[in-house]
Amino acid sequence: MINTILHARQITKIDDVYMVIGGSHLLNTPHQQQKKTMEAIIDLGIKKVGLSHCTGMRPACFLANKLGPQTFFFNNAGTGITFSEGKIHIDAFEKYDV
């Protein structure tokens, strides 16, 4: 996921990444890689992270716990993301409180 973000920044010449949604490909990865991914999300200043398929439950829970509900949401079927008048509204199917 981080390599894709870095590549997208390079080819678009846009450094700011507000939100990442989709799969992170962290399923069955070592905890160290999950930790580095979490640190990169913070270093890149990403404000919203909505992860789903191919993330895996344990990596998703790790990121949810470390990033907190202001940043992380489970982007499962039924999640609505609306952009309107410079604001974003996320209606996640599964809400949690860390």
PDB file of N, CA and C in Angstrom:
ATOM      1  N   MET A   1       0.815  -1.182   0.000  1.00  0.00           N
ATOM      2  CA  MET A   1       0.000   0.000   0.000  1.00  0.00           C
ATOM      3  C   MET A   1       0.861   1.249   0.000  1.00  0.00           C
ATOM      4  N   ILE A   2       1.872   1.283   0.831  1.00  0.00           N
ATOM      5  CA  ILE A   2       2.723   2.468   0.930  1.00  0.00           C
ATOM      6  C   ILE A   2       3.503   2.672  -0.369  1.00  0.00           C
ATOM      7  N   ASN A   3       4.012   1.585  -0.962  1.00  0.00           N
ATOM      8  CA  ASN A   3       4.721   1.718  -2.231  1.00  0.00           C
ATOM      9  C   ASN A   3       3.816   2.301  -3.309  1.00  0.00           C
ATOM     10  N   THR A   4       2.559   1.907  -3.334  1.00  0.00           N
ATOM     11  CA  THR A   4       1.611   2.438  -4.307  1.00  0.00           C
ATOM     12  C   THR A   4       1.368   3.920  -4.072  1.00  0.00           C
ATOM     13  N   ILE A   5       1.229   4.316  -2.828  1.00  0.00           N
ATOM     14  CA  ILE A   5       1.027   5.734  -2.490  1.00  0.00           C
ATOM     15  C   ILE A   5       2.239   6.555  -2.920  1.00  0.00           C
ATOM     16  N   LEU A   6       3.437   6.066  -2.597  1.00  0.00           N
ATOM     17  CA  LEU A   6       4.654   6.795  -2.968  1.00  0.00           C
ATOM     18  C   LEU A   6       4.789   6.910  -4.484  1.00  0.00           C
ATOM     19  N   HIS A   7       4.440   5.848  -5.199  1.00  0.00           N
ATOM     20  CA  HIS A   7       4.514   5.885  -6.660  1.00  0.00           C
ATOM     21  C   HIS A   7       3.490   6.876  -7.226  1.00  0.00           C
ATOM     22  N   ALA A   8       2.279   6.869  -6.683  1.00  0.00           N
ATOM     23  CA  ALA A   8       1.248   7.806  -7.141  1.00  0.00           C
ATOM     24  C   ALA A   8       1.677   9.250  -6.894  1.00  0.00           C
ATOM     25  N   ARG A   9       2.281   9.511  -5.759  1.00  0.00           N
ATOM     26  CA  ARG A   9       2.781  10.866  -5.475  1.00  0.00           C
ATOM     27  C   ARG A   9       3.852  11.272  -6.489  1.00  0.00           C
ATOM     28  N   GLN A  10       4.700  10.327  -6.839  1.00  0.00           N
ATOM     29  CA  GLN A  10       5.789  10.620  -7.768  1.00  0.00           C
ATOM     30  C   GLN A  10       5.262  10.938  -9.165  1.00  0.00           C
ATOM     31  N   ILE A  11       4.332  10.141  -9.662  1.00  0.00           N
ATOM     32  CA  ILE A  11       3.884  10.357 -11.042  1.00  0.00           C
ATOM     33  C   ILE A  11       2.886  11.511 -11.162  1.00  0.00           C
ATOM     34  N   THR A  12       2.163  11.828 -10.067  1.00  0.00           N
ATOM     35  CA  THR A  12       1.204  12.939 -10.136  1.00  0.00           C
ATOM     36  C   THR A  12       1.813  14.261  -9.712  1.00  0.00           C
ATOM     37  N   LYS A  13       2.951  14.196  -9.032  1.00  0.00           N
ATOM     38  CA  LYS A  13       3.606  15.389  -8.468  1.00  0.00           C
ATOM     39  C   LYS A  13       2.725  16.050  -7.401  1.00  0.00           C
ATOM     40  N   ILE A  14       1.831  15.267  -6.815  1.00  0.00           N
ATOM     41  CA  ILE A  14       0.974  15.738  -5.722  1.00  0.00           C
ATOM     42  C   ILE A  14       1.411  15.009  -4.455  1.00  0.00           C
ATOM     43  N   ASP A  15       1.884  15.761  -3.470  1.00  0.00           N
ATOM     44  CA  ASP A  15       2.396  15.142  -2.248  1.00  0.00           C
ATOM     45  C   ASP A  15       1.315  14.844  -1.216  1.00  0.00           C
ATOM     46  N   ASP A  16       0.274  15.668  -1.167  1.00  0.00           N
ATOM     47  CA  ASP A  16      -0.756  15.499  -0.142  1.00  0.00           C
ATOM     48  C   ASP A  16      -1.690  14.347  -0.497  1.00  0.00           C
ATOM     49  N   VAL A  17      -1.800  13.409   0.425  1.00  0.00           N
ATOM     50  CA  VAL A  17      -2.732  12.290   0.287  1.00  0.00           C
ATOM     51  C   VAL A  17      -3.673  12.377   1.480  1.00  0.00           C
ATOM     52  N   TYR A  18      -4.932  12.697   1.208  1.00  0.00           N
ATOM     53  CA  TYR A  18      -5.894  12.866   2.296  1.00  0.00           C
ATOM     54  C   TYR A  18      -6.421  11.527   2.797  1.00  0.00           C
ATOM     55  N   MET A  19      -6.798  10.640   1.864  1.00  0.00           N
ATOM     56  CA  MET A  19      -7.441   9.395   2.259  1.00  0.00           C
ATOM     57  C   MET A  19      -6.950   8.240   1.405  1.00  0.00           C
ATOM     58  N   VAL A  20      -6.873   7.074   2.040  1.00  0.00           N
ATOM     59  CA  VAL A  20      -6.560   5.831   1.351  1.00  0.00           C
ATOM     60  C   VAL A  20      -7.703   4.876   1.634  1.00  0.00           C
ATOM     61  N   ILE A  21      -8.271   4.298   0.574  1.00  0.00           N
ATOM     62  CA  ILE A  21      -9.330   3.309   0.759  1.00  0.00           C
ATOM     63  C   ILE A  21      -9.007   2.078  -0.066  1.00  0.00           C
ATOM     64  N   GLY A  22      -9.432   0.935   0.424  1.00  0.00           N
ATOM     65  CA  GLY A  22      -9.235  -0.325  -0.288  1.00  0.00           C
ATOM     66  C   GLY A  22      -8.420  -1.302   0.530  1.00  0.00           C
ATOM     67  N   GLY A  23      -7.854  -2.251  -0.148  1.00  0.00           N
ATOM     68  CA  GLY A  23      -7.054  -3.271   0.522  1.00  0.00           C
ATOM     69  C   GLY A  23      -5.624  -2.817   0.716  1.00  0.00           C
ATOM     70  N   SER A  24      -5.018  -3.265   1.781  1.00  0.00           N
ATOM     71  CA  SER A  24      -3.651  -2.843   2.106  1.00  0.00           C
ATOM     72  C   SER A  24      -2.618  -3.926   1.812  1.00  0.00           C
ATOM     73  N   HIS A  25      -3.075  -5.111   1.476  1.00  0.00           N
ATOM     74  CA  HIS A  25      -2.183  -6.248   1.215  1.00  0.00           C
ATOM     75  C   HIS A  25      -1.303  -6.565   2.425  1.00  0.00           C
ATOM     76  N   LEU A  26      -1.870  -6.422   3.614  1.00  0.00           N
ATOM     77  CA  LEU A  26      -1.139  -6.755   4.840  1.00  0.00           C
ATOM     78  C   LEU A  26      -1.487  -8.135   5.397  1.00  0.00           C
ATOM     79  N   LEU A  27      -2.419  -8.830   4.758  1.00  0.00           N
ATOM     80  CA  LEU A  27      -2.788 -10.175   5.200  1.00  0.00           C
ATOM     81  C   LEU A  27      -1.555 -11.067   5.192  1.00  0.00           C
ATOM     82  N   ASN A  28      -1.317 -11.750   6.290  1.00  0.00           N
ATOM     83  CA  ASN A  28      -0.191 -12.690   6.440  1.00  0.00           C
ATOM     84  C   ASN A  28       1.181 -12.028   6.325  1.00  0.00           C
ATOM     85  N   THR A  29       1.274 -10.761   6.696  1.00  0.00           N
ATOM     86  CA  THR A  29       2.574 -10.084   6.720  1.00  0.00           C
ATOM     87  C   THR A  29       3.113 -10.072   8.146  1.00  0.00           C
ATOM     88  N   PRO A  30       4.427  -9.943   8.300  1.00  0.00           N
ATOM     89  CA  PRO A  30       5.002  -9.855   9.640  1.00  0.00           C
ATOM     90  C   PRO A  30       4.532  -8.576  10.356  1.00  0.00           C
ATOM     91  N   HIS A  31       4.467  -8.654  11.668  1.00  0.00           N
ATOM     92  CA  HIS A  31       4.031  -7.496  12.459  1.00  0.00           C
ATOM     93  C   HIS A  31       4.913  -6.274  12.183  1.00  0.00           C
ATOM     94  N   GLN A  32       6.191  -6.493  11.948  1.00  0.00           N
ATOM     95  CA  GLN A  32       7.108  -5.379  11.667  1.00  0.00           C
ATOM     96  C   GLN A  32       6.675  -4.602  10.431  1.00  0.00           C
ATOM     97  N   GLN A  33       6.215  -5.304   9.403  1.00  0.00           N
ATOM     98  CA  GLN A  33       5.738  -4.623   8.193  1.00  0.00           C
ATOM     99  C   GLN A  33       4.461  -3.832   8.494  1.00  0.00           C
ATOM    100  N   GLN A  34       3.592  -4.384   9.312  1.00  0.00           N
ATOM    101  CA  GLN A  34       2.364  -3.684   9.691  1.00  0.00           C
ATOM    102  C   GLN A  34       2.708  -2.410  10.472  1.00  0.00           C
ATOM    103  N   LYS A  35       3.689  -2.524  11.353  1.00  0.00           N
ATOM    104  CA  LYS A  35       4.123  -1.363  12.131  1.00  0.00           C
ATOM    105  C   LYS A  35       4.727  -0.290  11.220  1.00  0.00           C
ATOM    106  N   LYS A  36       5.539  -0.699  10.266  1.00  0.00           N
ATOM    107  CA  LYS A  36       6.134   0.261   9.329  1.00  0.00           C
ATOM    108  C   LYS A  36       5.059   0.926   8.469  1.00  0.00           C
ATOM    109  N   THR A  37       4.046   0.178   8.100  1.00  0.00           N
ATOM    110  CA  THR A  37       2.930   0.745   7.335  1.00  0.00           C
ATOM    111  C   THR A  37       2.218   1.801   8.160  1.00  0.00           C
ATOM    112  N   MET A  38       1.947   1.500   9.417  1.00  0.00           N
ATOM    113  CA  MET A  38       1.290   2.455  10.313  1.00  0.00           C
ATOM    114  C   MET A  38       2.141   3.710  10.471  1.00  0.00           C
ATOM    115  N   GLU A  39       3.443   3.549  10.653  1.00  0.00           N
ATOM    116  CA  GLU A  39       4.340   4.702  10.799  1.00  0.00           C
ATOM    117  C   GLU A  39       4.371   5.538   9.518  1.00  0.00           C
ATOM    118  N   ALA A  40       4.354   4.883   8.357  1.00  0.00           N
ATOM    119  CA  ALA A  40       4.356   5.609   7.090  1.00  0.00           C
ATOM    120  C   ALA A  40       3.058   6.389   6.898  1.00  0.00           C
ATOM    121  N   ILE A  41       1.941   5.807   7.301  1.00  0.00           N
ATOM    122  CA  ILE A  41       0.653   6.513   7.214  1.00  0.00           C
ATOM    123  C   ILE A  41       0.724   7.801   8.022  1.00  0.00           C
ATOM    124  N   ILE A  42       1.287   7.726   9.202  1.00  0.00           N
ATOM    125  CA  ILE A  42       1.419   8.904  10.063  1.00  0.00           C
ATOM    126  C   ILE A  42       2.404   9.899   9.443  1.00  0.00           C
ATOM    127  N   ASP A  43       3.567   9.408   8.993  1.00  0.00           N
ATOM    128  CA  ASP A  43       4.586  10.288   8.401  1.00  0.00           C
ATOM    129  C   ASP A  43       4.083  10.999   7.146  1.00  0.00           C
ATOM    130  N   LEU A  44       3.251  10.316   6.368  1.00  0.00           N
ATOM    131  CA  LEU A  44       2.717  10.906   5.141  1.00  0.00           C
ATOM    132  C   LEU A  44       1.559  11.875   5.419  1.00  0.00           C
ATOM    133  N   GLY A  45       1.094  11.908   6.660  1.00  0.00           N
ATOM    134  CA  GLY A  45       0.022  12.827   7.032  1.00  0.00           C
ATOM    135  C   GLY A  45      -1.339  12.441   6.492  1.00  0.00           C
ATOM    136  N   ILE A  46      -1.552  11.154   6.265  1.00  0.00           N
ATOM    137  CA  ILE A  46      -2.836  10.686   5.734  1.00  0.00           C
ATOM    138  C   ILE A  46      -3.890  10.810   6.833  1.00  0.00           C
ATOM    139  N   LYS A  47      -4.980  11.470   6.510  1.00  0.00           N
ATOM    140  CA  LYS A  47      -6.009  11.794   7.507  1.00  0.00           C
ATOM    141  C   LYS A  47      -7.047  10.701   7.700  1.00  0.00           C
ATOM    142  N   LYS A  48      -7.367   9.959   6.635  1.00  0.00           N
ATOM    143  CA  LYS A  48      -8.384   8.908   6.706  1.00  0.00           C
ATOM    144  C   LYS A  48      -7.854   7.657   6.035  1.00  0.00           C
ATOM    145  N   VAL A  49      -8.069   6.516   6.698  1.00  0.00           N
ATOM    146  CA  VAL A  49      -7.628   5.229   6.173  1.00  0.00           C
ATOM    147  C   VAL A  49      -8.803   4.267   6.285  1.00  0.00           C
ATOM    148  N   GLY A  50      -9.371   3.904   5.137  1.00  0.00           N
ATOM    149  CA  GLY A  50     -10.490   2.963   5.104  1.00  0.00           C
ATOM    150  C   GLY A  50     -10.055   1.674   4.449  1.00  0.00           C
ATOM    151  N   LEU A  51      -9.761   0.670   5.261  1.00  0.00           N
ATOM    152  CA  LEU A  51      -9.207  -0.579   4.736  1.00  0.00           C
ATOM    153  C   LEU A  51     -10.260  -1.666   4.667  1.00  0.00           C
ATOM    154  N   SER A  52     -10.060  -2.560   3.703  1.00  0.00           N
ATOM    155  CA  SER A  52     -11.011  -3.641   3.483  1.00  0.00           C
ATOM    156  C   SER A  52     -10.269  -4.906   3.078  1.00  0.00           C
ATOM    157  N   HIS A  53     -10.701  -5.499   1.978  1.00  0.00           N
ATOM    158  CA  HIS A  53     -10.198  -6.790   1.512  1.00  0.00           C
ATOM    159  C   HIS A  53      -8.664  -6.836   1.509  1.00  0.00           C
ATOM    160  N   CYS A  54      -8.129  -8.000   1.675  1.00  0.00           N
ATOM    161  CA  CYS A  54      -6.703  -8.337   1.677  1.00  0.00           C
ATOM    162  C   CYS A  54      -5.895  -7.570   2.733  1.00  0.00           C
ATOM    163  N   THR A  55      -6.580  -6.960   3.679  1.00  0.00           N
ATOM    164  CA  THR A  55      -5.876  -6.359   4.810  1.00  0.00           C
ATOM    165  C   THR A  55      -5.694  -7.408   5.893  1.00  0.00           C
ATOM    166  N   GLY A  56      -6.719  -8.190   6.146  1.00  0.00           N
ATOM    167  CA  GLY A  56      -6.692  -9.184   7.209  1.00  0.00           C
ATOM    168  C   GLY A  56      -7.190  -8.579   8.499  1.00  0.00           C
ATOM    169  N   MET A  57      -7.868  -9.374   9.297  1.00  0.00           N
ATOM    170  CA  MET A  57      -8.475  -8.868  10.531  1.00  0.00           C
ATOM    171  C   MET A  57      -7.431  -8.402  11.541  1.00  0.00           C
ATOM    172  N   ARG A  58      -6.388  -9.191  11.759  1.00  0.00           N
ATOM    173  CA  ARG A  58      -5.372  -8.785  12.749  1.00  0.00           C
ATOM    174  C   ARG A  58      -4.655  -7.501  12.350  1.00  0.00           C
ATOM    175  N   PRO A  59      -4.161  -7.384  11.109  1.00  0.00           N
ATOM    176  CA  PRO A  59      -3.544  -6.107  10.725  1.00  0.00           C
ATOM    177  C   PRO A  59      -4.534  -4.943  10.790  1.00  0.00           C
ATOM    178  N   ALA A  60      -5.782  -5.177  10.391  1.00  0.00           N
ATOM    179  CA  ALA A  60      -6.790  -4.112  10.446  1.00  0.00           C
ATOM    180  C   ALA A  60      -7.030  -3.676  11.888  1.00  0.00           C
ATOM    181  N   CYS A  61      -7.115  -4.632  12.794  1.00  0.00           N
ATOM    182  CA  CYS A  61      -7.323  -4.297  14.209  1.00  0.00           C
ATOM    183  C   CYS A  61      -6.114  -3.564  14.787  1.00  0.00           C
ATOM    184  N   PHE A  62      -4.915  -3.975  14.394  1.00  0.00           N
ATOM    185  CA  PHE A  62      -3.705  -3.285  14.840  1.00  0.00           C
ATOM    186  C   PHE A  62      -3.745  -1.830  14.385  1.00  0.00           C
ATOM    187  N   LEU A  63      -4.026  -1.599  13.105  1.00  0.00           N
ATOM    188  CA  LEU A  63      -4.072  -0.234  12.578  1.00  0.00           C
ATOM    189  C   LEU A  63      -5.215   0.560  13.203  1.00  0.00           C
ATOM    190  N   ALA A  64      -6.362  -0.075  13.383  1.00  0.00           N
ATOM    191  CA  ALA A  64      -7.498   0.606  14.007  1.00  0.00           C
ATOM    192  C   ALA A  64      -7.130   1.078  15.405  1.00  0.00           C
ATOM    193  N   ASN A  65      -6.461   0.224  16.155  1.00  0.00           N
ATOM    194  CA  ASN A  65      -6.076   0.562  17.524  1.00  0.00           C
ATOM    195  C   ASN A  65      -5.033   1.672  17.553  1.00  0.00           C
ATOM    196  N   LYS A  66      -4.049   1.601  16.678  1.00  0.00           N
ATOM    197  CA  LYS A  66      -2.958   2.579  16.689  1.00  0.00           C
ATOM    198  C   LYS A  66      -3.345   3.911  16.062  1.00  0.00           C
ATOM    199  N   LEU A  67      -4.135   3.884  14.993  1.00  0.00           N
ATOM    200  CA  LEU A  67      -4.493   5.126  14.303  1.00  0.00           C
ATOM    201  C   LEU A  67      -5.706   5.809  14.924  1.00  0.00           C
ATOM    202  N   GLY A  68      -6.561   5.029  15.574  1.00  0.00           N
ATOM    203  CA  GLY A  68      -7.728   5.588  16.245  1.00  0.00           C
ATOM    204  C   GLY A  68      -8.894   5.858  15.301  1.00  0.00           C
ATOM    205  N   PRO A  69     -10.082   6.074  15.875  1.00  0.00           N
ATOM    206  CA  PRO A  69     -11.298   6.214  15.067  1.00  0.00           C
ATOM    207  C   PRO A  69     -11.380   7.510  14.267  1.00  0.00           C
ATOM    208  N   GLN A  70     -10.561   8.497  14.579  1.00  0.00           N
ATOM    209  CA  GLN A  70     -10.570   9.723  13.775  1.00  0.00           C
ATOM    210  C   GLN A  70      -9.891   9.501  12.425  1.00  0.00           C
ATOM    211  N   THR A  71      -9.000   8.503  12.363  1.00  0.00           N
ATOM    212  CA  THR A  71      -8.270   8.218  11.132  1.00  0.00           C
ATOM    213  C   THR A  71      -8.766   6.938  10.465  1.00  0.00           C
ATOM    214  N   PHE A  72      -8.898   5.869  11.224  1.00  0.00           N
ATOM    215  CA  PHE A  72      -9.180   4.549  10.666  1.00  0.00           C
ATOM    216  C   PHE A  72     -10.673   4.255  10.630  1.00  0.00           C
ATOM    217  N   PHE A  73     -11.109   3.635   9.529  1.00  0.00           N
ATOM    218  CA  PHE A  73     -12.454   3.054   9.492  1.00  0.00           C
ATOM    219  C   PHE A  73     -12.414   1.788   8.642  1.00  0.00           C
ATOM    220  N   PHE A  74     -13.280   0.842   9.008  1.00  0.00           N
ATOM    221  CA  PHE A  74     -13.406  -0.383   8.234  1.00  0.00           C
ATOM    222  C   PHE A  74     -14.231  -0.064   6.997  1.00  0.00           C
ATOM    223  N   ASN A  75     -13.642  -0.204   5.837  1.00  0.00           N
ATOM    224  CA  ASN A  75     -14.307   0.131   4.582  1.00  0.00           C
ATOM    225  C   ASN A  75     -14.896  -1.133   3.977  1.00  0.00           C
ATOM    226  N   ASN A  76     -15.941  -1.627   4.606  1.00  0.00           N
ATOM    227  CA  ASN A  76     -16.594  -2.849   4.149  1.00  0.00           C
ATOM    228  C   ASN A  76     -17.786  -2.510   3.260  1.00  0.00           C
ATOM    229  N   ALA A  77     -18.405  -3.556   2.713  1.00  0.00           N
ATOM    230  CA  ALA A  77     -19.628  -3.366   1.937  1.00  0.00           C
ATOM    231  C   ALA A  77     -20.633  -2.605   2.801  1.00  0.00           C
ATOM    232  N   GLY A  78     -21.232  -1.605   2.226  1.00  0.00           N
ATOM    233  CA  GLY A  78     -22.211  -0.795   2.956  1.00  0.00           C
ATOM    234  C   GLY A  78     -21.661   0.524   3.454  1.00  0.00           C
ATOM    235  N   THR A  79     -20.354   0.728   3.383  1.00  0.00           N
ATOM    236  CA  THR A  79     -19.767   1.996   3.816  1.00  0.00           C
ATOM    237  C   THR A  79     -20.082   3.063   2.771  1.00  0.00           C
ATOM    238  N   GLY A  80     -20.500   4.227   3.242  1.00  0.00           N
ATOM    239  CA  GLY A  80     -20.758   5.351   2.356  1.00  0.00           C
ATOM    240  C   GLY A  80     -19.747   6.456   2.611  1.00  0.00           C
ATOM    241  N   ILE A  81     -19.147   6.979   1.550  1.00  0.00           N
ATOM    242  CA  ILE A  81     -18.201   8.086   1.651  1.00  0.00           C
ATOM    243  C   ILE A  81     -18.728   9.187   0.744  1.00  0.00           C
ATOM    244  N   THR A  82     -19.050  10.333   1.354  1.00  0.00           N
ATOM    245  CA  THR A  82     -19.649  11.431   0.608  1.00  0.00           C
ATOM    246  C   THR A  82     -18.766  12.666   0.713  1.00  0.00           C
ATOM    247  N   PHE A  83     -18.492  13.286  -0.425  1.00  0.00           N
ATOM    248  CA  PHE A  83     -17.747  14.539  -0.484  1.00  0.00           C
ATOM    249  C   PHE A  83     -18.733  15.628  -0.886  1.00  0.00           C
ATOM    250  N   SER A  84     -18.837  16.663  -0.062  1.00  0.00           N
ATOM    251  CA  SER A  84     -19.774  17.733  -0.370  1.00  0.00           C
ATOM    252  C   SER A  84     -19.304  19.029   0.258  1.00  0.00           C
ATOM    253  N   GLU A  85     -19.237  20.075  -0.543  1.00  0.00           N
ATOM    254  CA  GLU A  85     -18.898  21.414  -0.068  1.00  0.00           C
ATOM    255  C   GLU A  85     -17.610  21.431   0.759  1.00  0.00           C
ATOM    256  N   GLY A  86     -16.599  20.737   0.288  1.00  0.00           N
ATOM    257  CA  GLY A  86     -15.302  20.727   0.953  1.00  0.00           C
ATOM    258  C   GLY A  86     -15.250  19.886   2.216  1.00  0.00           C
ATOM    259  N   LYS A  87     -16.285  19.111   2.476  1.00  0.00           N
ATOM    260  CA  LYS A  87     -16.321  18.260   3.669  1.00  0.00           C
ATOM    261  C   LYS A  87     -16.485  16.810   3.250  1.00  0.00           C
ATOM    262  N   ILE A  88     -16.106  15.934   4.149  1.00  0.00           N
ATOM    263  CA  ILE A  88     -16.252  14.503   3.904  1.00  0.00           C
ATOM    264  C   ILE A  88     -17.107  13.907   5.016  1.00  0.00           C
ATOM    265  N   HIS A  89     -17.979  12.996   4.624  1.00  0.00           N
ATOM    266  CA  HIS A  89     -18.788  12.269   5.599  1.00  0.00           C
ATOM    267  C   HIS A  89     -18.604  10.781   5.332  1.00  0.00           C
ATOM    268  N   ILE A  90     -18.241  10.046   6.381  1.00  0.00           N
ATOM    269  CA  ILE A  90     -18.043   8.608   6.263  1.00  0.00           C
ATOM    270  C   ILE A  90     -19.077   7.920   7.130  1.00  0.00           C
ATOM    271  N   ASP A  91     -19.893   7.112   6.495  1.00  0.00           N
ATOM    272  CA  ASP A  91     -20.901   6.340   7.212  1.00  0.00           C
ATOM    273  C   ASP A  91     -20.468   4.884   7.151  1.00  0.00           C
ATOM    274  N   ALA A  92     -19.616   4.499   8.096  1.00  0.00           N
ATOM    275  CA  ALA A  92     -19.060   3.147   8.113  1.00  0.00           C
ATOM    276  C   ALA A  92     -20.063   2.174   8.698  1.00  0.00           C
ATOM    277  N   PHE A  93     -20.138   1.017   8.101  1.00  0.00           N
ATOM    278  CA  PHE A  93     -21.050  -0.035   8.551  1.00  0.00           C
ATOM    279  C   PHE A  93     -20.723  -0.453   9.983  1.00  0.00           C
ATOM    280  N   GLU A  94     -19.437  -0.607  10.269  1.00  0.00           N
ATOM    281  CA  GLU A  94     -18.999  -1.051  11.594  1.00  0.00           C
ATOM    282  C   GLU A  94     -18.252   0.080  12.269  1.00  0.00           C
ATOM    283  N   LYS A  95     -18.821   0.555  13.358  1.00  0.00           N
ATOM    284  CA  LYS A  95     -18.168   1.621  14.126  1.00  0.00           C
ATOM    285  C   LYS A  95     -17.529   1.009  15.368  1.00  0.00           C
ATOM    286  N   TYR A  96     -16.514   1.649  15.872  1.00  0.00           N
ATOM    287  CA  TYR A  96     -15.850   1.150  17.059  1.00  0.00           C
ATOM    288  C   TYR A  96     -15.335   2.327  17.859  1.00  0.00           C
ATOM    289  N   ASP A  97     -15.013   2.070  19.106  1.00  0.00           N
ATOM    290  CA  ASP A  97     -14.429   3.074  19.972  1.00  0.00           C
ATOM    291  C   ASP A  97     -13.182   2.486  20.599  1.00  0.00           C
ATOM    292  N   VAL A  98     -12.045   3.127  20.373  1.00  0.00           N
ATOM    293  CA  VAL A  98     -10.780   2.590  20.867  1.00  0.00           C
ATOM    294  C   VAL A  98     -10.609   2.970  22.329  1.00  0.00           C
TER     295      VAL A  98
END
